[in-house]
Amino acid sequence: MRYKVLEAGELADGGKRIVKVKEMEIGIFRIDGRYYAWRNLCPHAAAPICAGTLRGTRLPSGVYDYQFGLENQVLRCPWHGWEFDLTSGRHLAQGSKAKLRGYPVEADETGIYVVIGD
């Protein structure tokens, strides 16, 4: 089922909003013009993950070669600092299988919608 969560153009690029759909809190993020929706529960300890900060992170690189990337695409958990890629929902720790629970987002001139199966 499709649920309207925001008006069209209501969320600026790089922005986030926490909404409630079917008694669930869901974070809506806009990154490089695309929308992402993630359940507001960290898979580590059920923290309100979407209340965390948006930032970048260090990329894999050689010794003493520190490269920064993914600016405003990394969501950091406010409780324990776990970091997740907002475009895939994957935890950034090497070898981790942890992932945020996501939902499809549809955007058109009438609004921003989250699609949740019933």
PDB file of N, CA and C in Angstrom:
ATOM      1  N   MET A   1       0.844  -1.177   0.000  1.00  0.00           N
ATOM      2  CA  MET A   1       0.000   0.000   0.000  1.00  0.00           C
ATOM      3  C   MET A   1       0.889   1.239   0.000  1.00  0.00           C
ATOM      4  N   ARG A   2       0.426   2.275  -0.630  1.00  0.00           N
ATOM      5  CA  ARG A   2       1.180   3.517  -0.799  1.00  0.00           C
ATOM      6  C   ARG A   2       0.676   4.569   0.193  1.00  0.00           C
ATOM      7  N   TYR A   3       1.600   5.167   0.969  1.00  0.00           N
ATOM      8  CA  TYR A   3       1.241   6.145   1.990  1.00  0.00           C
ATOM      9  C   TYR A   3       1.945   7.470   1.712  1.00  0.00           C
ATOM     10  N   LYS A   4       1.177   8.533   1.633  1.00  0.00           N
ATOM     11  CA  LYS A   4       1.772   9.853   1.432  1.00  0.00           C
ATOM     12  C   LYS A   4       2.408  10.306   2.737  1.00  0.00           C
ATOM     13  N   VAL A   5       3.710  10.690   2.665  1.00  0.00           N
ATOM     14  CA  VAL A   5       4.423  11.084   3.874  1.00  0.00           C
ATOM     15  C   VAL A   5       4.876  12.538   3.844  1.00  0.00           C
ATOM     16  N   LEU A   6       5.050  13.109   2.636  1.00  0.00           N
ATOM     17  CA  LEU A   6       5.488  14.494   2.503  1.00  0.00           C
ATOM     18  C   LEU A   6       4.881  15.101   1.241  1.00  0.00           C
ATOM     19  N   GLU A   7       4.812  16.404   1.216  1.00  0.00           N
ATOM     20  CA  GLU A   7       4.395  17.107   0.016  1.00  0.00           C
ATOM     21  C   GLU A   7       5.566  17.138  -0.964  1.00  0.00           C
ATOM     22  N   ALA A   8       5.282  17.242  -2.236  1.00  0.00           N
ATOM     23  CA  ALA A   8       6.334  17.350  -3.246  1.00  0.00           C
ATOM     24  C   ALA A   8       7.182  18.583  -2.951  1.00  0.00           C
ATOM     25  N   GLY A   9       8.487  18.431  -3.012  1.00  0.00           N
ATOM     26  CA  GLY A   9       9.393  19.556  -2.786  1.00  0.00           C
ATOM     27  C   GLY A   9       9.571  19.956  -1.334  1.00  0.00           C
ATOM     28  N   GLU A  10       8.978  19.215  -0.401  1.00  0.00           N
ATOM     29  CA  GLU A  10       9.050  19.580   1.017  1.00  0.00           C
ATOM     30  C   GLU A  10      10.406  19.262   1.645  1.00  0.00           C
ATOM     31  N   LEU A  11      11.144  18.323   1.065  1.00  0.00           N
ATOM     32  CA  LEU A  11      12.415  17.892   1.651  1.00  0.00           C
ATOM     33  C   LEU A  11      13.564  18.310   0.740  1.00  0.00           C
ATOM     34  N   ALA A  12      14.447  19.151   1.248  1.00  0.00           N
ATOM     35  CA  ALA A  12      15.596  19.626   0.472  1.00  0.00           C
ATOM     36  C   ALA A  12      16.619  18.511   0.298  1.00  0.00           C
ATOM     37  N   ASP A  13      17.442  18.615  -0.727  1.00  0.00           N
ATOM     38  CA  ASP A  13      18.502  17.635  -0.942  1.00  0.00           C
ATOM     39  C   ASP A  13      19.430  17.632   0.272  1.00  0.00           C
ATOM     40  N   GLY A  14      19.780  16.451   0.749  1.00  0.00           N
ATOM     41  CA  GLY A  14      20.598  16.307   1.955  1.00  0.00           C
ATOM     42  C   GLY A  14      19.784  16.341   3.234  1.00  0.00           C
ATOM     43  N   GLY A  15      18.475  16.466   3.106  1.00  0.00           N
ATOM     44  CA  GLY A  15      17.611  16.576   4.275  1.00  0.00           C
ATOM     45  C   GLY A  15      17.036  15.245   4.718  1.00  0.00           C
ATOM     46  N   LYS A  16      16.458  15.258   5.910  1.00  0.00           N
ATOM     47  CA  LYS A  16      15.792  14.066   6.439  1.00  0.00           C
ATOM     48  C   LYS A  16      14.564  14.493   7.217  1.00  0.00           C
ATOM     49  N   ARG A  17      13.616  13.578   7.326  1.00  0.00           N
ATOM     50  CA  ARG A  17      12.406  13.807   8.095  1.00  0.00           C
ATOM     51  C   ARG A  17      11.961  12.471   8.648  1.00  0.00           C
ATOM     52  N   ILE A  18      11.552  12.436   9.893  1.00  0.00           N
ATOM     53  CA  ILE A  18      11.016  11.217  10.492  1.00  0.00           C
ATOM     54  C   ILE A  18       9.497  11.331  10.486  1.00  0.00           C
ATOM     55  N   VAL A  19       8.850  10.319   9.895  1.00  0.00           N
ATOM     56  CA  VAL A  19       7.391  10.310   9.771  1.00  0.00           C
ATOM     57  C   VAL A  19       6.846   9.040  10.419  1.00  0.00           C
ATOM     58  N   LYS A  20       5.540   9.019  10.612  1.00  0.00           N
ATOM     59  CA  LYS A  20       4.898   7.835  11.180  1.00  0.00           C
ATOM     60  C   LYS A  20       3.947   7.248  10.148  1.00  0.00           C
ATOM     61  N   VAL A  21       4.123   5.959   9.872  1.00  0.00           N
ATOM     62  CA  VAL A  21       3.263   5.233   8.942  1.00  0.00           C
ATOM     63  C   VAL A  21       2.884   3.913   9.601  1.00  0.00           C
ATOM     64  N   LYS A  22       1.592   3.645   9.703  1.00  0.00           N
ATOM     65  CA  LYS A  22       1.120   2.389  10.309  1.00  0.00           C
ATOM     66  C   LYS A  22       1.774   2.129  11.675  1.00  0.00           C
ATOM     67  N   GLU A  23       1.824   3.144  12.501  1.00  0.00           N
ATOM     68  CA  GLU A  23       2.405   3.044  13.848  1.00  0.00           C
ATOM     69  C   GLU A  23       3.911   2.786  13.855  1.00  0.00           C
ATOM     70  N   MET A  24       4.577   2.939  12.712  1.00  0.00           N
ATOM     71  CA  MET A  24       6.031   2.779  12.622  1.00  0.00           C
ATOM     72  C   MET A  24       6.655   4.131  12.319  1.00  0.00           C
ATOM     73  N   GLU A  25       7.803   4.395  12.931  1.00  0.00           N
ATOM     74  CA  GLU A  25       8.565   5.576  12.564  1.00  0.00           C
ATOM     75  C   GLU A  25       9.493   5.207  11.417  1.00  0.00           C
ATOM     76  N   ILE A  26       9.500   6.054  10.396  1.00  0.00           N
ATOM     77  CA  ILE A  26      10.318   5.832   9.210  1.00  0.00           C
ATOM     78  C   ILE A  26      11.051   7.131   8.896  1.00  0.00           C
ATOM     79  N   GLY A  27      12.348   7.018   8.640  1.00  0.00           N
ATOM     80  CA  GLY A  27      13.131   8.183   8.244  1.00  0.00           C
ATOM     81  C   GLY A  27      13.121   8.305   6.730  1.00  0.00           C
ATOM     82  N   ILE A  28      12.803   9.493   6.238  1.00  0.00           N
ATOM     83  CA  ILE A  28      12.825   9.787   4.809  1.00  0.00           C
ATOM     84  C   ILE A  28      14.047  10.674   4.558  1.00  0.00           C
ATOM     85  N   PHE A  29      14.890  10.266   3.627  1.00  0.00           N
ATOM     86  CA  PHE A  29      16.116  10.985   3.311  1.00  0.00           C
ATOM     87  C   PHE A  29      16.145  11.323   1.829  1.00  0.00           C
ATOM     88  N   ARG A  30      16.687  12.492   1.497  1.00  0.00           N
ATOM     89  CA  ARG A  30      16.863  12.864   0.090  1.00  0.00           C
ATOM     90  C   ARG A  30      18.349  13.082  -0.152  1.00  0.00           C
ATOM     91  N   ILE A  31      18.920  12.252  -1.021  1.00  0.00           N
ATOM     92  CA  ILE A  31      20.347  12.296  -1.318  1.00  0.00           C
ATOM     93  C   ILE A  31      20.524  12.372  -2.830  1.00  0.00           C
ATOM     94  N   ASP A  32      21.177  13.407  -3.278  1.00  0.00           N
ATOM     95  CA  ASP A  32      21.411  13.610  -4.711  1.00  0.00           C
ATOM     96  C   ASP A  32      20.124  13.471  -5.521  1.00  0.00           C
ATOM     97  N   GLY A  33      19.039  14.032  -4.990  1.00  0.00           N
ATOM     98  CA  GLY A  33      17.767  14.033  -5.700  1.00  0.00           C
ATOM     99  C   GLY A  33      16.955  12.755  -5.587  1.00  0.00           C
ATOM    100  N   ARG A  34      17.502  11.723  -4.945  1.00  0.00           N
ATOM    101  CA  ARG A  34      16.761  10.463  -4.778  1.00  0.00           C
ATOM    102  C   ARG A  34      16.285  10.344  -3.338  1.00  0.00           C
ATOM    103  N   TYR A  35      15.150   9.661  -3.163  1.00  0.00           N
ATOM    104  CA  TYR A  35      14.565   9.481  -1.831  1.00  0.00           C
ATOM    105  C   TYR A  35      14.804   8.060  -1.329  1.00  0.00           C
ATOM    106  N   TYR A  36      15.045   7.957  -0.014  1.00  0.00           N
ATOM    107  CA  TYR A  36      15.245   6.674   0.651  1.00  0.00           C
ATOM    108  C   TYR A  36      14.408   6.669   1.920  1.00  0.00           C
ATOM    109  N   ALA A  37      13.854   5.509   2.264  1.00  0.00           N
ATOM    110  CA  ALA A  37      13.037   5.369   3.479  1.00  0.00           C
ATOM    111  C   ALA A  37      13.578   4.201   4.293  1.00  0.00           C
ATOM    112  N   TRP A  38      13.907   4.467   5.570  1.00  0.00           N
ATOM    113  CA  TRP A  38      14.459   3.437   6.457  1.00  0.00           C
ATOM    114  C   TRP A  38      13.683   3.427   7.761  1.00  0.00           C
ATOM    115  N   ARG A  39      13.395   2.238   8.246  1.00  0.00           N
ATOM    116  CA  ARG A  39      12.724   2.080   9.551  1.00  0.00           C
ATOM    117  C   ARG A  39      13.612   2.696  10.622  1.00  0.00           C
ATOM    118  N   ASN A  40      13.027   3.391  11.557  1.00  0.00           N
ATOM    119  CA  ASN A  40      13.770   4.122  12.581  1.00  0.00           C
ATOM    120  C   ASN A  40      14.188   3.217  13.738  1.00  0.00           C
ATOM    121  N   LEU A  41      14.819   2.092  13.401  1.00  0.00           N
ATOM    122  CA  LEU A  41      15.323   1.152  14.408  1.00  0.00           C
ATOM    123  C   LEU A  41      16.703   0.663  13.977  1.00  0.00           C
ATOM    124  N   CYS A  42      17.699   0.905  14.792  1.00  0.00           N
ATOM    125  CA  CYS A  42      19.034   0.397  14.500  1.00  0.00           C
ATOM    126  C   CYS A  42      19.034  -1.123  14.721  1.00  0.00           C
ATOM    127  N   PRO A  43      19.585  -1.894  13.785  1.00  0.00           N
ATOM    128  CA  PRO A  43      19.590  -3.351  13.955  1.00  0.00           C
ATOM    129  C   PRO A  43      20.488  -3.820  15.099  1.00  0.00           C
ATOM    130  N   HIS A  44      21.321  -2.955  15.616  1.00  0.00           N
ATOM    131  CA  HIS A  44      22.216  -3.331  16.723  1.00  0.00           C
ATOM    132  C   HIS A  44      21.482  -3.370  18.060  1.00  0.00           C
ATOM    133  N   ALA A  45      20.805  -2.269  18.414  1.00  0.00           N
ATOM    134  CA  ALA A  45      20.170  -2.209  19.734  1.00  0.00           C
ATOM    135  C   ALA A  45      18.849  -1.446  19.717  1.00  0.00           C
ATOM    136  N   ALA A  46      18.196  -1.381  18.557  1.00  0.00           N
ATOM    137  CA  ALA A  46      16.876  -0.754  18.395  1.00  0.00           C
ATOM    138  C   ALA A  46      16.866   0.740  18.728  1.00  0.00           C
ATOM    139  N   ALA A  47      18.000   1.396  18.581  1.00  0.00           N
ATOM    140  CA  ALA A  47      18.076   2.845  18.790  1.00  0.00           C
ATOM    141  C   ALA A  47      17.293   3.558  17.690  1.00  0.00           C
ATOM    142  N   PRO A  48      16.898   4.811  17.936  1.00  0.00           N
ATOM    143  CA  PRO A  48      16.218   5.594  16.898  1.00  0.00           C
ATOM    144  C   PRO A  48      17.257   6.070  15.865  1.00  0.00           C
ATOM    145  N   ILE A  49      17.644   5.179  14.975  1.00  0.00           N
ATOM    146  CA  ILE A  49      18.752   5.399  14.042  1.00  0.00           C
ATOM    147  C   ILE A  49      18.569   6.660  13.202  1.00  0.00           C
ATOM    148  N   CYS A  50      17.357   6.964  12.791  1.00  0.00           N
ATOM    149  CA  CYS A  50      17.131   8.095  11.895  1.00  0.00           C
ATOM    150  C   CYS A  50      17.328   9.445  12.584  1.00  0.00           C
ATOM    151  N   ALA A  51      17.446   9.443  13.901  1.00  0.00           N
ATOM    152  CA  ALA A  51      17.745  10.669  14.639  1.00  0.00           C
ATOM    153  C   ALA A  51      19.246  10.944  14.644  1.00  0.00           C
ATOM    154  N   GLY A  52      20.026  10.025  14.112  1.00  0.00           N
ATOM    155  CA  GLY A  52      21.476  10.185  14.069  1.00  0.00           C
ATOM    156  C   GLY A  52      21.909  11.244  13.072  1.00  0.00           C
ATOM    157  N   THR A  53      23.209  11.498  13.053  1.00  0.00           N
ATOM    158  CA  THR A  53      23.753  12.533  12.177  1.00  0.00           C
ATOM    159  C   THR A  53      24.064  11.980  10.791  1.00  0.00           C
ATOM    160  N   LEU A  54      23.975  12.870   9.805  1.00  0.00           N
ATOM    161  CA  LEU A  54      24.381  12.554   8.441  1.00  0.00           C
ATOM    162  C   LEU A  54      25.786  13.095   8.259  1.00  0.00           C
ATOM    163  N   ARG A  55      26.656  12.277   7.681  1.00  0.00           N
ATOM    164  CA  ARG A  55      28.043  12.676   7.504  1.00  0.00           C
ATOM    165  C   ARG A  55      28.663  11.869   6.385  1.00  0.00           C
ATOM    166  N   GLY A  56      29.936  12.001   6.230  1.00  0.00           N
ATOM    167  CA  GLY A  56      30.715  11.167   5.329  1.00  0.00           C
ATOM    168  C   GLY A  56      31.562  10.232   6.165  1.00  0.00           C
ATOM    169  N   THR A  57      32.505   9.563   5.526  1.00  0.00           N
ATOM    170  CA  THR A  57      33.362   8.640   6.260  1.00  0.00           C
ATOM    171  C   THR A  57      34.671   8.454   5.510  1.00  0.00           C
ATOM    172  N   ARG A  58      35.627   7.832   6.167  1.00  0.00           N
ATOM    173  CA  ARG A  58      36.879   7.499   5.488  1.00  0.00           C
ATOM    174  C   ARG A  58      36.644   6.305   4.580  1.00  0.00           C
ATOM    175  N   LEU A  59      37.210   6.372   3.402  1.00  0.00           N
ATOM    176  CA  LEU A  59      37.089   5.292   2.430  1.00  0.00           C
ATOM    177  C   LEU A  59      38.269   4.341   2.567  1.00  0.00           C
ATOM    178  N   PRO A  60      38.113   3.085   2.146  1.00  0.00           N
ATOM    179  CA  PRO A  60      39.260   2.165   2.157  1.00  0.00           C
ATOM    180  C   PRO A  60      40.391   2.759   1.319  1.00  0.00           C
ATOM    181  N   SER A  61      41.580   2.779   1.884  1.00  0.00           N
ATOM    182  CA  SER A  61      42.718   3.369   1.191  1.00  0.00           C
ATOM    183  C   SER A  61      44.007   2.788   1.761  1.00  0.00           C
ATOM    184  N   GLY A  62      45.106   3.180   1.173  1.00  0.00           N
ATOM    185  CA  GLY A  62      46.410   2.688   1.603  1.00  0.00           C
ATOM    186  C   GLY A  62      46.831   3.275   2.934  1.00  0.00           C
ATOM    187  N   VAL A  63      47.919   2.740   3.472  1.00  0.00           N
ATOM    188  CA  VAL A  63      48.471   3.213   4.734  1.00  0.00           C
ATOM    189  C   VAL A  63      48.854   4.689   4.600  1.00  0.00           C
ATOM    190  N   TYR A  64      48.467   5.492   5.560  1.00  0.00           N
ATOM    191  CA  TYR A  64      48.717   6.933   5.601  1.00  0.00           C
ATOM    192  C   TYR A  64      48.092   7.697   4.435  1.00  0.00           C
ATOM    193  N   ASP A  65      47.175   7.096   3.734  1.00  0.00           N
ATOM    194  CA  ASP A  65      46.468   7.738   2.633  1.00  0.00           C
ATOM    195  C   ASP A  65      44.998   7.794   3.035  1.00  0.00           C
ATOM    196  N   TYR A  66      44.615   8.860   3.711  1.00  0.00           N
ATOM    197  CA  TYR A  66      43.261   8.970   4.238  1.00  0.00           C
ATOM    198  C   TYR A  66      42.367   9.681   3.229  1.00  0.00           C
ATOM    199  N   GLN A  67      41.377   8.965   2.730  1.00  0.00           N
ATOM    200  CA  GLN A  67      40.452   9.525   1.756  1.00  0.00           C
ATOM    201  C   GLN A  67      39.064   9.596   2.371  1.00  0.00           C
ATOM    202  N   PHE A  68      38.453  10.758   2.244  1.00  0.00           N
ATOM    203  CA  PHE A  68      37.127  10.988   2.795  1.00  0.00           C
ATOM    204  C   PHE A  68      36.118  10.944   1.656  1.00  0.00           C
ATOM    205  N   GLY A  69      34.948  10.358   1.904  1.00  0.00           N
ATOM    206  CA  GLY A  69      33.933  10.284   0.866  1.00  0.00           C
ATOM    207  C   GLY A  69      32.554  10.039   1.430  1.00  0.00           C
ATOM    208  N   LEU A  70      31.608   9.799   0.532  1.00  0.00           N
ATOM    209  CA  LEU A  70      30.207   9.540   0.882  1.00  0.00           C
ATOM    210  C   LEU A  70      29.605  10.680   1.710  1.00  0.00           C
ATOM    211  N   GLU A  71      30.006  11.907   1.418  1.00  0.00           N
ATOM    212  CA  GLU A  71      29.525  13.066   2.164  1.00  0.00           C
ATOM    213  C   GLU A  71      27.993  13.093   2.197  1.00  0.00           C
ATOM    214  N   ASN A  72      27.436  13.220   3.394  1.00  0.00           N
ATOM    215  CA  ASN A  72      25.990  13.243   3.649  1.00  0.00           C
ATOM    216  C   ASN A  72      25.271  11.983   3.182  1.00  0.00           C
ATOM    217  N   GLN A  73      25.984  10.864   3.048  1.00  0.00           N
ATOM    218  CA  GLN A  73      25.368   9.590   2.674  1.00  0.00           C
ATOM    219  C   GLN A  73      25.510   8.541   3.768  1.00  0.00           C
ATOM    220  N   VAL A  74      26.100   8.923   4.889  1.00  0.00           N
ATOM    221  CA  VAL A  74      26.319   7.978   5.984  1.00  0.00           C
ATOM    222  C   VAL A  74      25.497   8.427   7.187  1.00  0.00           C
ATOM    223  N   LEU A  75      24.684   7.510   7.696  1.00  0.00           N
ATOM    224  CA  LEU A  75      23.865   7.770   8.879  1.00  0.00           C
ATOM    225  C   LEU A  75      24.546   7.125  10.078  1.00  0.00           C
ATOM    226  N   ARG A  76      24.839   7.934  11.093  1.00  0.00           N
ATOM    227  CA  ARG A  76      25.530   7.438  12.290  1.00  0.00           C
ATOM    228  C   ARG A  76      24.544   7.309  13.433  1.00  0.00           C
ATOM    229  N   CYS A  77      24.475   6.111  14.017  1.00  0.00           N
ATOM    230  CA  CYS A  77      23.550   5.842  15.111  1.00  0.00           C
ATOM    231  C   CYS A  77      23.870   6.736  16.312  1.00  0.00           C
ATOM    232  N   PRO A  78      22.846   7.363  16.903  1.00  0.00           N
ATOM    233  CA  PRO A  78      23.093   8.252  18.041  1.00  0.00           C
ATOM    234  C   PRO A  78      23.484   7.524  19.329  1.00  0.00           C
ATOM    235  N   TRP A  79      23.255   6.238  19.440  1.00  0.00           N
ATOM    236  CA  TRP A  79      23.588   5.519  20.666  1.00  0.00           C
ATOM    237  C   TRP A  79      24.995   4.939  20.670  1.00  0.00           C
ATOM    238  N   HIS A  80      25.365   4.200  19.642  1.00  0.00           N
ATOM    239  CA  HIS A  80      26.641   3.485  19.667  1.00  0.00           C
ATOM    240  C   HIS A  80      27.551   3.779  18.487  1.00  0.00           C
ATOM    241  N   GLY A  81      27.148   4.683  17.617  1.00  0.00           N
ATOM    242  CA  GLY A  81      28.013   5.124  16.534  1.00  0.00           C
ATOM    243  C   GLY A  81      28.101   4.224  15.316  1.00  0.00           C
ATOM    244  N   TRP A  82      27.264   3.193  15.244  1.00  0.00           N
ATOM    245  CA  TRP A  82      27.280   2.350  14.042  1.00  0.00           C
ATOM    246  C   TRP A  82      26.937   3.228  12.848  1.00  0.00           C
ATOM    247  N   GLU A  83      27.626   3.000  11.723  1.00  0.00           N
ATOM    248  CA  GLU A  83      27.410   3.812  10.530  1.00  0.00           C
ATOM    249  C   GLU A  83      26.823   2.971   9.401  1.00  0.00           C
ATOM    250  N   PHE A  84      25.854   3.563   8.694  1.00  0.00           N
ATOM    251  CA  PHE A  84      25.151   2.878   7.611  1.00  0.00           C
ATOM    252  C   PHE A  84      25.152   3.744   6.357  1.00  0.00           C
ATOM    253  N   ASP A  85      25.345   3.106   5.209  1.00  0.00           N
ATOM    254  CA  ASP A  85      25.252   3.775   3.917  1.00  0.00           C
ATOM    255  C   ASP A  85      23.773   3.996   3.619  1.00  0.00           C
ATOM    256  N   LEU A  86      23.363   5.245   3.464  1.00  0.00           N
ATOM    257  CA  LEU A  86      21.946   5.539   3.257  1.00  0.00           C
ATOM    258  C   LEU A  86      21.431   5.105   1.895  1.00  0.00           C
ATOM    259  N   THR A  87      22.302   4.883   0.936  1.00  0.00           N
ATOM    260  CA  THR A  87      21.822   4.472  -0.379  1.00  0.00           C
ATOM    261  C   THR A  87      21.561   2.972  -0.461  1.00  0.00           C
ATOM    262  N   SER A  88      22.176   2.195   0.437  1.00  0.00           N
ATOM    263  CA  SER A  88      21.979   0.741   0.426  1.00  0.00           C
ATOM    264  C   SER A  88      21.438   0.199   1.744  1.00  0.00           C
ATOM    265  N   GLY A  89      21.594   0.961   2.823  1.00  0.00           N
ATOM    266  CA  GLY A  89      21.173   0.510   4.148  1.00  0.00           C
ATOM    267  C   GLY A  89      22.195  -0.375   4.840  1.00  0.00           C
ATOM    268  N   ARG A  90      23.304  -0.657   4.187  1.00  0.00           N
ATOM    269  CA  ARG A  90      24.305  -1.576   4.737  1.00  0.00           C
ATOM    270  C   ARG A  90      25.187  -0.916   5.798  1.00  0.00           C
ATOM    271  N   HIS A  91      25.489  -1.702   6.837  1.00  0.00           N
ATOM    272  CA  HIS A  91      26.428  -1.293   7.870  1.00  0.00           C
ATOM    273  C   HIS A  91      27.810  -1.216   7.237  1.00  0.00           C
ATOM    274  N   LEU A  92      28.592  -0.191   7.579  1.00  0.00           N
ATOM    275  CA  LEU A  92      29.862   0.039   6.905  1.00  0.00           C
ATOM    276  C   LEU A  92      31.021  -0.818   7.416  1.00  0.00           C
ATOM    277  N   ALA A  93      30.868  -1.510   8.530  1.00  0.00           N
ATOM    278  CA  ALA A  93      31.964  -2.337   9.037  1.00  0.00           C
ATOM    279  C   ALA A  93      32.214  -3.505   8.088  1.00  0.00           C
ATOM    280  N   GLN A  94      33.469  -3.715   7.774  1.00  0.00           N
ATOM    281  CA  GLN A  94      33.838  -4.792   6.859  1.00  0.00           C
ATOM    282  C   GLN A  94      33.345  -6.143   7.378  1.00  0.00           C
ATOM    283  N   GLY A  95      32.670  -6.889   6.524  1.00  0.00           N
ATOM    284  CA  GLY A  95      32.176  -8.217   6.877  1.00  0.00           C
ATOM    285  C   GLY A  95      30.841  -8.239   7.600  1.00  0.00           C
ATOM    286  N   SER A  96      30.318  -7.076   7.976  1.00  0.00           N
ATOM    287  CA  SER A  96      29.047  -7.030   8.699  1.00  0.00           C
ATOM    288  C   SER A  96      27.889  -7.369   7.764  1.00  0.00           C
ATOM    289  N   LYS A  97      26.917  -8.085   8.285  1.00  0.00           N
ATOM    290  CA  LYS A  97      25.710  -8.405   7.523  1.00  0.00           C
ATOM    291  C   LYS A  97      24.523  -7.547   7.986  1.00  0.00           C
ATOM    292  N   ALA A  98      24.780  -6.656   8.964  1.00  0.00           N
ATOM    293  CA  ALA A  98      23.707  -5.791   9.472  1.00  0.00           C
ATOM    294  C   ALA A  98      23.247  -4.832   8.382  1.00  0.00           C
ATOM    295  N   LYS A  99      21.941  -4.588   8.370  1.00  0.00           N
ATOM    296  CA  LYS A  99      21.363  -3.705   7.359  1.00  0.00           C
ATOM    297  C   LYS A  99      20.107  -3.052   7.917  1.00  0.00           C
ATOM    298  N   LEU A 100      19.871  -1.811   7.515  1.00  0.00           N
ATOM    299  CA  LEU A 100      18.635  -1.135   7.885  1.00  0.00           C
ATOM    300  C   LEU A 100      17.477  -1.728   7.095  1.00  0.00           C
ATOM    301  N   ARG A 101      16.288  -1.673   7.663  1.00  0.00           N
ATOM    302  CA  ARG A 101      15.104  -2.146   6.942  1.00  0.00           C
ATOM    303  C   ARG A 101      14.548  -0.980   6.130  1.00  0.00           C
ATOM    304  N   GLY A 102      14.481  -1.181   4.829  1.00  0.00           N
ATOM    305  CA  GLY A 102      14.060  -0.104   3.952  1.00  0.00           C
ATOM    306  C   GLY A 102      12.730  -0.345   3.275  1.00  0.00           C
ATOM    307  N   TYR A 103      12.187   0.716   2.708  1.00  0.00           N
ATOM    308  CA  TYR A 103      10.922   0.677   1.997  1.00  0.00           C
ATOM    309  C   TYR A 103      11.062   1.454   0.692  1.00  0.00           C
ATOM    310  N   PRO A 104      10.373   1.016  -0.362  1.00  0.00           N
ATOM    311  CA  PRO A 104      10.395   1.773  -1.620  1.00  0.00           C
ATOM    312  C   PRO A 104       9.752   3.148  -1.430  1.00  0.00           C
ATOM    313  N   VAL A 105      10.298   4.116  -2.156  1.00  0.00           N
ATOM    314  CA  VAL A 105       9.761   5.478  -2.121  1.00  0.00           C
ATOM    315  C   VAL A 105       9.381   5.872  -3.546  1.00  0.00           C
ATOM    316  N   GLU A 106       8.219   6.495  -3.680  1.00  0.00           N
ATOM    317  CA  GLU A 106       7.768   7.016  -4.965  1.00  0.00           C
ATOM    318  C   GLU A 106       7.529   8.514  -4.805  1.00  0.00           C
ATOM    319  N   ALA A 107       8.019   9.282  -5.765  1.00  0.00           N
ATOM    320  CA  ALA A 107       7.852  10.736  -5.714  1.00  0.00           C
ATOM    321  C   ALA A 107       7.273  11.211  -7.042  1.00  0.00           C
ATOM    322  N   ASP A 108       6.307  12.091  -6.957  1.00  0.00           N
ATOM    323  CA  ASP A 108       5.760  12.723  -8.145  1.00  0.00           C
ATOM    324  C   ASP A 108       5.295  14.126  -7.764  1.00  0.00           C
ATOM    325  N   GLU A 109       4.595  14.797  -8.663  1.00  0.00           N
ATOM    326  CA  GLU A 109       4.171  16.185  -8.409  1.00  0.00           C
ATOM    327  C   GLU A 109       3.140  16.298  -7.293  1.00  0.00           C
ATOM    328  N   THR A 110       2.541  15.171  -6.878  1.00  0.00           N
ATOM    329  CA  THR A 110       1.531  15.223  -5.810  1.00  0.00           C
ATOM    330  C   THR A 110       2.113  14.966  -4.422  1.00  0.00           C
ATOM    331  N   GLY A 111       3.324  14.412  -4.347  1.00  0.00           N
ATOM    332  CA  GLY A 111       3.910  14.167  -3.041  1.00  0.00           C
ATOM    333  C   GLY A 111       4.961  13.082  -3.036  1.00  0.00           C
ATOM    334  N   ILE A 112       5.413  12.760  -1.827  1.00  0.00           N
ATOM    335  CA  ILE A 112       6.390  11.698  -1.587  1.00  0.00           C
ATOM    336  C   ILE A 112       5.646  10.581  -0.869  1.00  0.00           C
ATOM    337  N   TYR A 113       5.787   9.349  -1.380  1.00  0.00           N
ATOM    338  CA  TYR A 113       5.042   8.210  -0.860  1.00  0.00           C
ATOM    339  C   TYR A 113       5.980   7.082  -0.466  1.00  0.00           C
ATOM    340  N   VAL A 114       5.630   6.397   0.620  1.00  0.00           N
ATOM    341  CA  VAL A 114       6.332   5.184   1.027  1.00  0.00           C
ATOM    342  C   VAL A 114       5.408   4.010   0.722  1.00  0.00           C
ATOM    343  N   VAL A 115       5.989   2.942   0.181  1.00  0.00           N
ATOM    344  CA  VAL A 115       5.206   1.759  -0.179  1.00  0.00           C
ATOM    345  C   VAL A 115       5.501   0.660   0.852  1.00  0.00           C
ATOM    346  N   ILE A 116       4.452   0.213   1.535  1.00  0.00           N
ATOM    347  CA  ILE A 116       4.584  -0.815   2.564  1.00  0.00           C
ATOM    348  C   ILE A 116       3.599  -1.934   2.247  1.00  0.00           C
ATOM    349  N   GLY A 117       4.106  -3.135   2.167  1.00  0.00           N
ATOM    350  CA  GLY A 117       3.236  -4.286   1.923  1.00  0.00           C
ATOM    351  C   GLY A 117       2.363  -4.567   3.125  1.00  0.00           C
ATOM    352  N   ASP A 118       1.133  -4.953   2.889  1.00  0.00           N
ATOM    353  CA  ASP A 118       0.201  -5.248   3.997  1.00  0.00           C
ATOM    354  C   ASP A 118       0.031  -6.729   4.209  1.00  0.00           C
TER     355      ASP A 118
END
